[in-house]
Amino acid sequence: HDEVGPLLSAIKIQINYLQGLSVEDGQIIEKSSRYIDDIIKKMREISNDLLPNVLVRKGLSVAIQDFIDKIPSAANLPITFECNSDLRAPASIEVNVYRIVQEIVHNTLKHSKATYLKIQLIITPTALRLATEENGIGFDYHDLVRKTGGLGLLNLQSRAEVMSGAFTFSSAKGKGTRYLFEIPLPSAL
């Protein structure tokens, strides 16, 4: 975003300085300029989704709450979020845990038919614990892997491994799903 945004802005300025064109060409230039504006806006949104400013500035707990607050009420999924501390973890861990929360929330919204989702974050000087629980339709792990390859679960497992953490889950049809991540933190906090 830091490089592409200014390049697109420069192209827009150059396009807008074109003169001596027909009315039809002017309309094309105007339309192209609006497209460039849309691309710049989308790039900002994507950049913010990749690494939200609030995560960098205020930390994981505030970023998760901000993410939850932006979920439309039409989603009809009450989400409760609890965090015991405002301690900060290393940036790489905060980003991965934030992505885990996003994945769980999106999967819950998309697949679970849950009527609630509870997210609990416990941060101590030596460990971070993320636990989630929802009351949706649940799933059978082997059935899920057979049908879809279980990529969402593999993604969650991979993120936990990158942080040298442990990941467990429990789910059964009609019983909802629970996820637990336990990530050790460097003692330098």
C-alpha atoms as a PDB file:
ATOM      1  CA  HIS A   1       0.000   0.000   0.000  1.00  0.00           C
ATOM      2  CA  ASP A   2       2.812   2.421   0.810  1.00  0.00           C
ATOM      3  CA  GLU A   3       4.200   2.132  -2.727  1.00  0.00           C
ATOM      4  CA  VAL A   4       1.149   1.376  -4.864  1.00  0.00           C
ATOM      5  CA  GLY A   5      -1.109   4.092  -3.420  1.00  0.00           C
ATOM      6  CA  PRO A   6       1.175   6.996  -4.413  1.00  0.00           C
ATOM      7  CA  LEU A   7       1.729   5.469  -7.859  1.00  0.00           C
ATOM      8  CA  LEU A   8      -2.016   5.292  -8.454  1.00  0.00           C
ATOM      9  CA  SER A   9      -2.412   8.877  -7.238  1.00  0.00           C
ATOM     10  CA  ALA A  10       0.303  10.002  -9.688  1.00  0.00           C
ATOM     11  CA  ILE A  11      -1.455   8.204 -12.550  1.00  0.00           C
ATOM     12  CA  LYS A  12      -4.721   9.872 -11.605  1.00  0.00           C
ATOM     13  CA  ILE A  13      -3.101  13.312 -11.643  1.00  0.00           C
ATOM     14  CA  GLN A  14      -1.526  12.646 -15.049  1.00  0.00           C
ATOM     15  CA  ILE A  15      -4.805  11.396 -16.495  1.00  0.00           C
ATOM     16  CA  ASN A  16      -6.670  14.441 -15.186  1.00  0.00           C
ATOM     17  CA  TYR A  17      -4.178  16.796 -16.908  1.00  0.00           C
ATOM     18  CA  LEU A  18      -4.899  15.395 -20.362  1.00  0.00           C
ATOM     19  CA  GLN A  19      -6.489  18.133 -22.502  1.00  0.00           C
ATOM     20  CA  GLY A  20      -7.771  18.680 -25.989  1.00  0.00           C
ATOM     21  CA  LEU A  21      -9.729  15.508 -26.066  1.00  0.00           C
ATOM     22  CA  SER A  22     -13.223  14.853 -27.283  1.00  0.00           C
ATOM     23  CA  VAL A  23     -16.199  14.847 -24.899  1.00  0.00           C
ATOM     24  CA  GLU A  24     -16.209  11.071 -25.135  1.00  0.00           C
ATOM     25  CA  ASP A  25     -12.519  10.874 -24.187  1.00  0.00           C
ATOM     26  CA  GLY A  26     -13.168  13.251 -21.276  1.00  0.00           C
ATOM     27  CA  GLN A  27     -15.902  10.945 -19.998  1.00  0.00           C
ATOM     28  CA  ILE A  28     -13.539   7.972 -20.199  1.00  0.00           C
ATOM     29  CA  ILE A  29     -10.875   9.924 -18.292  1.00  0.00           C
ATOM     30  CA  GLU A  30     -13.404  10.924 -15.624  1.00  0.00           C
ATOM     31  CA  LYS A  31     -14.584   7.336 -15.271  1.00  0.00           C
ATOM     32  CA  SER A  32     -10.987   6.075 -15.082  1.00  0.00           C
ATOM     33  CA  SER A  33     -10.245   8.637 -12.374  1.00  0.00           C
ATOM     34  CA  ARG A  34     -13.184   7.338 -10.317  1.00  0.00           C
ATOM     35  CA  TYR A  35     -11.934   3.769 -10.769  1.00  0.00           C
ATOM     36  CA  ILE A  36      -8.508   4.785  -9.490  1.00  0.00           C
ATOM     37  CA  ASP A  37     -10.165   6.406  -6.448  1.00  0.00           C
ATOM     38  CA  ASP A  38     -12.049   3.147  -5.809  1.00  0.00           C
ATOM     39  CA  ILE A  39      -8.831   1.115  -6.116  1.00  0.00           C
ATOM     40  CA  ILE A  40      -7.017   3.404  -3.659  1.00  0.00           C
ATOM     41  CA  LYS A  41      -9.918   3.103  -1.196  1.00  0.00           C
ATOM     42  CA  LYS A  42      -9.959  -0.711  -1.505  1.00  0.00           C
ATOM     43  CA  MET A  43      -6.192  -0.859  -1.022  1.00  0.00           C
ATOM     44  CA  ARG A  44      -6.513   1.135   2.210  1.00  0.00           C
ATOM     45  CA  GLU A  45      -9.201  -1.271   3.400  1.00  0.00           C
ATOM     46  CA  ILE A  46      -7.068  -4.301   2.518  1.00  0.00           C
ATOM     47  CA  SER A  47      -4.023  -2.764   4.176  1.00  0.00           C
ATOM     48  CA  ASN A  48      -6.034  -2.070   7.311  1.00  0.00           C
ATOM     49  CA  ASP A  49      -7.402  -5.623   7.298  1.00  0.00           C
ATOM     50  CA  LEU A  50      -3.885  -7.046   7.001  1.00  0.00           C
ATOM     51  CA  LEU A  51      -2.549  -5.033   9.903  1.00  0.00           C
ATOM     52  CA  PRO A  52      -5.103  -2.774  11.541  1.00  0.00           C
ATOM     53  CA  ASN A  53      -3.671   0.466  12.918  1.00  0.00           C
ATOM     54  CA  VAL A  54      -5.536  -0.107  16.161  1.00  0.00           C
ATOM     55  CA  LEU A  55      -3.620  -3.372  16.656  1.00  0.00           C
ATOM     56  CA  VAL A  56      -0.282  -1.625  16.250  1.00  0.00           C
ATOM     57  CA  ARG A  57      -1.208   1.422  18.351  1.00  0.00           C
ATOM     58  CA  LYS A  58      -3.411   0.023  21.110  1.00  0.00           C
ATOM     59  CA  GLY A  59      -2.827  -3.706  21.215  1.00  0.00           C
ATOM     60  CA  LEU A  60      -4.592  -6.998  20.757  1.00  0.00           C
ATOM     61  CA  SER A  61      -7.469  -6.588  23.181  1.00  0.00           C
ATOM     62  CA  VAL A  62      -8.574  -3.236  21.762  1.00  0.00           C
ATOM     63  CA  ALA A  63      -8.138  -4.501  18.177  1.00  0.00           C
ATOM     64  CA  ILE A  64     -10.310  -7.578  18.825  1.00  0.00           C
ATOM     65  CA  GLN A  65     -13.022  -5.462  20.437  1.00  0.00           C
ATOM     66  CA  ASP A  66     -12.850  -3.020  17.494  1.00  0.00           C
ATOM     67  CA  PHE A  67     -13.179  -5.924  15.035  1.00  0.00           C
ATOM     68  CA  ILE A  68     -16.199  -7.302  16.914  1.00  0.00           C
ATOM     69  CA  ASP A  69     -17.816  -3.864  17.102  1.00  0.00           C
ATOM     70  CA  LYS A  70     -17.637  -3.572  13.305  1.00  0.00           C
ATOM     71  CA  ILE A  71     -19.621  -6.768  12.708  1.00  0.00           C
ATOM     72  CA  PRO A  72     -23.034  -5.704  11.436  1.00  0.00           C
ATOM     73  CA  SER A  73     -25.962  -6.256  13.765  1.00  0.00           C
ATOM     74  CA  ALA A  74     -27.664  -7.991  10.827  1.00  0.00           C
ATOM     75  CA  ALA A  75     -25.231 -10.869  11.411  1.00  0.00           C
ATOM     76  CA  ASN A  76     -27.430 -11.647  14.419  1.00  0.00           C
ATOM     77  CA  LEU A  77     -24.631 -13.210  16.461  1.00  0.00           C
ATOM     78  CA  PRO A  78     -24.107 -11.788  19.928  1.00  0.00           C
ATOM     79  CA  ILE A  79     -20.376 -11.895  20.641  1.00  0.00           C
ATOM     80  CA  THR A  80     -18.955 -11.401  24.105  1.00  0.00           C
ATOM     81  CA  PHE A  81     -15.293 -10.649  24.542  1.00  0.00           C
ATOM     82  CA  GLU A  82     -13.376 -10.728  27.801  1.00  0.00           C
ATOM     83  CA  CYS A  83      -9.743  -9.887  28.379  1.00  0.00           C
ATOM     84  CA  ASN A  84      -8.009  -9.943  31.735  1.00  0.00           C
ATOM     85  CA  SER A  85      -5.135  -7.595  30.963  1.00  0.00           C
ATOM     86  CA  ASP A  86      -3.785  -4.848  28.762  1.00  0.00           C
ATOM     87  CA  LEU A  87      -0.328  -6.454  28.647  1.00  0.00           C
ATOM     88  CA  ARG A  88       1.172  -6.464  25.172  1.00  0.00           C
ATOM     89  CA  ALA A  89       2.574  -9.538  23.465  1.00  0.00           C
ATOM     90  CA  PRO A  90       5.216  -9.373  20.731  1.00  0.00           C
ATOM     91  CA  ALA A  91       3.776  -7.918  17.509  1.00  0.00           C
ATOM     92  CA  SER A  92       4.073 -11.187  15.565  1.00  0.00           C
ATOM     93  CA  ILE A  93       2.023 -13.002  18.217  1.00  0.00           C
ATOM     94  CA  GLU A  94      -0.607 -10.258  18.390  1.00  0.00           C
ATOM     95  CA  VAL A  95      -1.045 -10.342  14.602  1.00  0.00           C
ATOM     96  CA  ASN A  96      -1.403 -14.132  14.543  1.00  0.00           C
ATOM     97  CA  VAL A  97      -3.876 -14.197  17.436  1.00  0.00           C
ATOM     98  CA  TYR A  98      -5.863 -11.395  15.792  1.00  0.00           C
ATOM     99  CA  ARG A  99      -6.015 -13.434  12.557  1.00  0.00           C
ATOM    100  CA  ILE A 100      -7.127 -16.493  14.549  1.00  0.00           C
ATOM    101  CA  VAL A 101      -9.975 -14.511  16.091  1.00  0.00           C
ATOM    102  CA  GLN A 102     -10.995 -13.209  12.649  1.00  0.00           C
ATOM    103  CA  GLU A 103     -11.043 -16.736  11.232  1.00  0.00           C
ATOM    104  CA  ILE A 104     -13.095 -18.117  14.123  1.00  0.00           C
ATOM    105  CA  VAL A 105     -15.597 -15.250  13.965  1.00  0.00           C
ATOM    106  CA  HIS A 106     -15.963 -15.559  10.186  1.00  0.00           C
ATOM    107  CA  ASN A 107     -16.389 -19.338  10.367  1.00  0.00           C
ATOM    108  CA  THR A 108     -18.914 -18.992  13.176  1.00  0.00           C
ATOM    109  CA  LEU A 109     -20.917 -16.446  11.201  1.00  0.00           C
ATOM    110  CA  LYS A 110     -20.731 -18.449   7.986  1.00  0.00           C
ATOM    111  CA  HIS A 111     -21.199 -22.032   9.117  1.00  0.00           C
ATOM    112  CA  SER A 112     -22.244 -22.540  12.730  1.00  0.00           C
ATOM    113  CA  LYS A 113     -25.787 -21.150  13.020  1.00  0.00           C
ATOM    114  CA  ALA A 114     -24.788 -20.245  16.580  1.00  0.00           C
ATOM    115  CA  THR A 115     -26.810 -17.886  18.745  1.00  0.00           C
ATOM    116  CA  TYR A 116     -23.759 -16.698  20.683  1.00  0.00           C
ATOM    117  CA  LEU A 117     -19.977 -16.634  20.531  1.00  0.00           C
ATOM    118  CA  LYS A 118     -17.820 -16.096  23.587  1.00  0.00           C
ATOM    119  CA  ILE A 119     -14.178 -15.089  23.209  1.00  0.00           C
ATOM    120  CA  GLN A 120     -11.855 -15.037  26.205  1.00  0.00           C
ATOM    121  CA  LEU A 121      -8.282 -13.740  26.124  1.00  0.00           C
ATOM    122  CA  ILE A 122      -6.006 -14.215  29.116  1.00  0.00           C
ATOM    123  CA  ILE A 123      -2.583 -12.602  28.960  1.00  0.00           C
ATOM    124  CA  THR A 124       0.084 -13.105  31.605  1.00  0.00           C
ATOM    125  CA  PRO A 125       3.767 -12.207  31.466  1.00  0.00           C
ATOM    126  CA  THR A 126       4.584 -15.760  30.339  1.00  0.00           C
ATOM    127  CA  ALA A 127       1.609 -16.948  28.270  1.00  0.00           C
ATOM    128  CA  LEU A 128      -1.379 -15.975  26.190  1.00  0.00           C
ATOM    129  CA  ARG A 129      -4.521 -18.092  26.273  1.00  0.00           C
ATOM    130  CA  LEU A 130      -7.349 -17.664  23.755  1.00  0.00           C
ATOM    131  CA  ALA A 131     -10.541 -19.635  24.298  1.00  0.00           C
ATOM    132  CA  THR A 132     -13.706 -19.436  22.217  1.00  0.00           C
ATOM    133  CA  GLU A 133     -17.037 -21.152  22.593  1.00  0.00           C
ATOM    134  CA  GLU A 134     -20.199 -21.110  20.498  1.00  0.00           C
ATOM    135  CA  ASN A 135     -23.441 -23.069  20.573  1.00  0.00           C
ATOM    136  CA  GLY A 136     -23.871 -23.759  16.871  1.00  0.00           C
ATOM    137  CA  ILE A 137     -24.475 -26.920  14.909  1.00  0.00           C
ATOM    138  CA  GLY A 138     -20.937 -28.192  15.432  1.00  0.00           C
ATOM    139  CA  PHE A 139     -19.161 -30.508  13.019  1.00  0.00           C
ATOM    140  CA  ASP A 140     -17.622 -33.912  12.734  1.00  0.00           C
ATOM    141  CA  TYR A 141     -13.877 -33.470  12.186  1.00  0.00           C
ATOM    142  CA  HIS A 142     -13.411 -36.504   9.924  1.00  0.00           C
ATOM    143  CA  ASP A 143     -16.456 -35.594   7.841  1.00  0.00           C
ATOM    144  CA  LEU A 144     -15.202 -32.014   7.488  1.00  0.00           C
ATOM    145  CA  VAL A 145     -11.733 -33.116   6.390  1.00  0.00           C
ATOM    146  CA  ARG A 146     -13.226 -35.552   3.874  1.00  0.00           C
ATOM    147  CA  LYS A 147     -15.528 -32.906   2.357  1.00  0.00           C
ATOM    148  CA  THR A 148     -13.384 -29.756   2.469  1.00  0.00           C
ATOM    149  CA  GLY A 149      -9.891 -30.800   3.418  1.00  0.00           C
ATOM    150  CA  GLY A 150     -10.275 -29.007   6.759  1.00  0.00           C
ATOM    151  CA  LEU A 151      -8.278 -26.004   5.548  1.00  0.00           C
ATOM    152  CA  GLY A 152      -9.688 -23.671   8.193  1.00  0.00           C
ATOM    153  CA  LEU A 153      -8.601 -25.999  10.981  1.00  0.00           C
ATOM    154  CA  LEU A 154      -5.204 -26.511   9.353  1.00  0.00           C
ATOM    155  CA  ASN A 155      -4.805 -22.732   9.149  1.00  0.00           C
ATOM    156  CA  LEU A 156      -5.567 -22.379  12.863  1.00  0.00           C
ATOM    157  CA  GLN A 157      -3.163 -25.216  13.693  1.00  0.00           C
ATOM    158  CA  SER A 158      -0.458 -23.649  11.533  1.00  0.00           C
ATOM    159  CA  ARG A 159      -0.808 -20.261  13.241  1.00  0.00           C
ATOM    160  CA  ALA A 160      -0.515 -21.904  16.653  1.00  0.00           C
ATOM    161  CA  GLU A 161       2.606 -23.808  15.567  1.00  0.00           C
ATOM    162  CA  VAL A 162       4.233 -20.636  14.200  1.00  0.00           C
ATOM    163  CA  MET A 163       3.916 -19.187  17.719  1.00  0.00           C
ATOM    164  CA  SER A 164       5.193 -22.411  19.358  1.00  0.00           C
ATOM    165  CA  GLY A 165       1.739 -22.767  20.865  1.00  0.00           C
ATOM    166  CA  ALA A 166      -0.793 -25.499  21.397  1.00  0.00           C
ATOM    167  CA  PHE A 167      -4.177 -25.682  19.677  1.00  0.00           C
ATOM    168  CA  THR A 168      -7.086 -27.900  20.641  1.00  0.00           C
ATOM    169  CA  PHE A 169     -10.736 -27.898  19.719  1.00  0.00           C
ATOM    170  CA  SER A 170     -13.840 -29.835  20.487  1.00  0.00           C
ATOM    171  CA  SER A 171     -16.934 -30.026  18.362  1.00  0.00           C
ATOM    172  CA  ALA A 172     -19.761 -32.404  17.747  1.00  0.00           C
ATOM    173  CA  LYS A 173     -22.863 -32.154  15.640  1.00  0.00           C
ATOM    174  CA  GLY A 174     -25.469 -30.191  17.567  1.00  0.00           C
ATOM    175  CA  LYS A 175     -23.034 -29.409  20.412  1.00  0.00           C
ATOM    176  CA  GLY A 176     -21.236 -26.277  19.178  1.00  0.00           C
ATOM    177  CA  THR A 177     -17.511 -25.737  18.910  1.00  0.00           C
ATOM    178  CA  ARG A 178     -14.770 -24.735  21.334  1.00  0.00           C
ATOM    179  CA  TYR A 179     -11.256 -23.647  20.435  1.00  0.00           C
ATOM    180  CA  LEU A 180      -8.323 -23.247  22.791  1.00  0.00           C
ATOM    181  CA  PHE A 181      -4.945 -21.727  21.982  1.00  0.00           C
ATOM    182  CA  GLU A 182      -2.127 -21.597  24.510  1.00  0.00           C
ATOM    183  CA  ILE A 183       0.861 -19.567  23.398  1.00  0.00           C
ATOM    184  CA  PRO A 184       4.019 -19.113  25.445  1.00  0.00           C
ATOM    185  CA  LEU A 185       5.342 -15.549  25.625  1.00  0.00           C
ATOM    186  CA  PRO A 186       8.938 -14.495  25.886  1.00  0.00           C
ATOM    187  CA  SER A 187       9.768 -13.619  29.491  1.00  0.00           C
ATOM    188  CA  ALA A 188      10.904 -10.166  28.356  1.00  0.00           C
ATOM    189  CA  LEU A 189       7.370  -8.695  28.583  1.00  0.00           C
END
